[in-house]
Protein backbone atom coordinates (compact mmCIF):
# COMPACT_ATOMS: atom_id res chain seq x y z
CA MET A 1 0.00 0.00 0.00
CA VAL A 2 1.41 3.38 -1.01
CA THR A 3 0.39 5.15 2.19
CA VAL A 4 2.41 2.71 4.33
CA THR A 5 5.44 3.32 2.11
CA ILE A 6 5.06 7.09 2.56
CA ILE A 7 4.85 6.66 6.32
CA LYS A 8 7.86 4.35 6.48
CA SER A 9 10.05 6.45 4.20
CA SER A 10 9.31 10.01 5.23
CA LEU A 11 7.30 10.36 8.44
CA VAL A 12 8.77 7.71 10.73
CA PRO A 13 12.45 8.67 10.23
CA LYS A 14 11.68 12.26 11.25
CA PHE A 15 9.82 11.09 14.32
CA VAL A 16 12.61 8.67 15.25
CA TYR A 17 15.21 11.42 14.93
CA VAL A 18 13.29 13.79 17.21
CA SER A 19 12.50 10.99 19.66
CA SER A 20 16.14 10.04 19.86
CA LEU A 21 17.04 13.59 20.91
CA LEU A 22 14.10 14.50 23.15
CA PRO A 23 11.94 12.52 25.55
CA THR A 24 8.65 11.68 23.87
CA PRO A 25 5.54 11.46 26.06
CA LYS A 26 3.26 8.46 25.54
CA GLU A 27 0.35 10.77 24.72
CA ILE A 28 2.22 12.16 21.72
CA VAL A 29 3.14 8.67 20.51
CA ASN A 30 -0.48 7.51 20.82
CA LYS A 31 -1.77 10.59 19.00
CA LEU A 32 0.75 10.11 16.19
CA ILE A 33 -0.26 6.45 15.85
CA GLN A 34 -3.91 7.50 15.58
CA LEU A 35 -3.05 10.05 12.89
CA LEU A 36 -0.97 7.56 10.93
CA PHE A 37 -3.71 4.96 10.93
CA LYS A 38 -6.28 7.56 9.88
CA PHE A 39 -3.95 8.38 7.00
CA VAL A 40 -3.56 4.72 6.03
CA TRP A 41 -7.26 3.94 6.11
CA LYS A 42 -8.52 7.41 5.09
CA GLY A 43 -10.79 7.47 8.13
CA THR A 44 -11.58 4.89 10.76
CA HIS A 45 -9.58 1.71 11.29
CA LYS A 46 -10.70 -1.22 9.23
CA VAL A 47 -8.56 -3.94 10.87
CA PRO A 48 -6.88 -4.31 14.28
CA ARG A 49 -3.61 -2.40 14.62
CA ALA A 50 -1.67 -5.45 15.73
CA SER A 51 -2.43 -7.31 12.53
CA VAL A 52 -1.29 -4.42 10.32
CA THR A 53 2.28 -4.71 11.63
CA ASN A 54 2.63 -8.34 10.52
CA ASN A 55 4.66 -9.42 7.49
CA TYR A 56 3.46 -9.48 3.90
CA GLU A 57 3.48 -13.28 3.91
CA GLU A 58 0.77 -13.23 6.56
CA GLY A 59 -1.35 -10.96 4.37
CA ASP A 60 -0.73 -7.73 6.24
CA LEU A 61 0.87 -4.36 5.48
CA LYS A 62 4.10 -4.61 7.52
CA MET A 63 3.44 -1.23 9.13
CA ILE A 64 6.03 0.04 11.60
CA ASP A 65 5.09 -0.22 15.29
CA LEU A 66 5.98 3.18 16.75
CA GLU A 67 5.46 2.07 20.33
CA ILE A 68 8.22 -0.53 19.98
CA ILE A 69 10.55 2.00 18.37
CA VAL A 70 10.02 4.51 21.19
CA LYS A 71 10.59 1.81 23.83
CA PHE A 72 13.80 0.82 22.06
CA LEU A 73 15.01 4.43 21.97
CA ARG A 74 14.26 4.81 25.70
CA LEU A 75 16.30 1.68 26.41
CA LEU A 76 19.21 3.04 24.39
CA VAL A 77 19.13 6.35 26.22
CA ASN A 78 19.00 4.59 29.60
CA MET A 79 21.97 2.42 28.66
CA TYR A 80 24.17 5.42 27.99
CA ILE A 81 23.15 7.53 30.99
């Protein structure tokens, strides 16, 4: 799906860069996830979010899970503090 490619190539890297420099509250992450899924589906969600992040072989879109990325960045920051 073209919208997932746009998200993965242009929106997520910018968010990851900012999140790696500044602490990102969970509310902002949740709001961004809502906006991304509204962009993907052009409105309300049509399938569960968890199934969208699965691989192509399983019939899903292989969308990036932002919550996991933010948790990973928090772990990296904590390791180096």
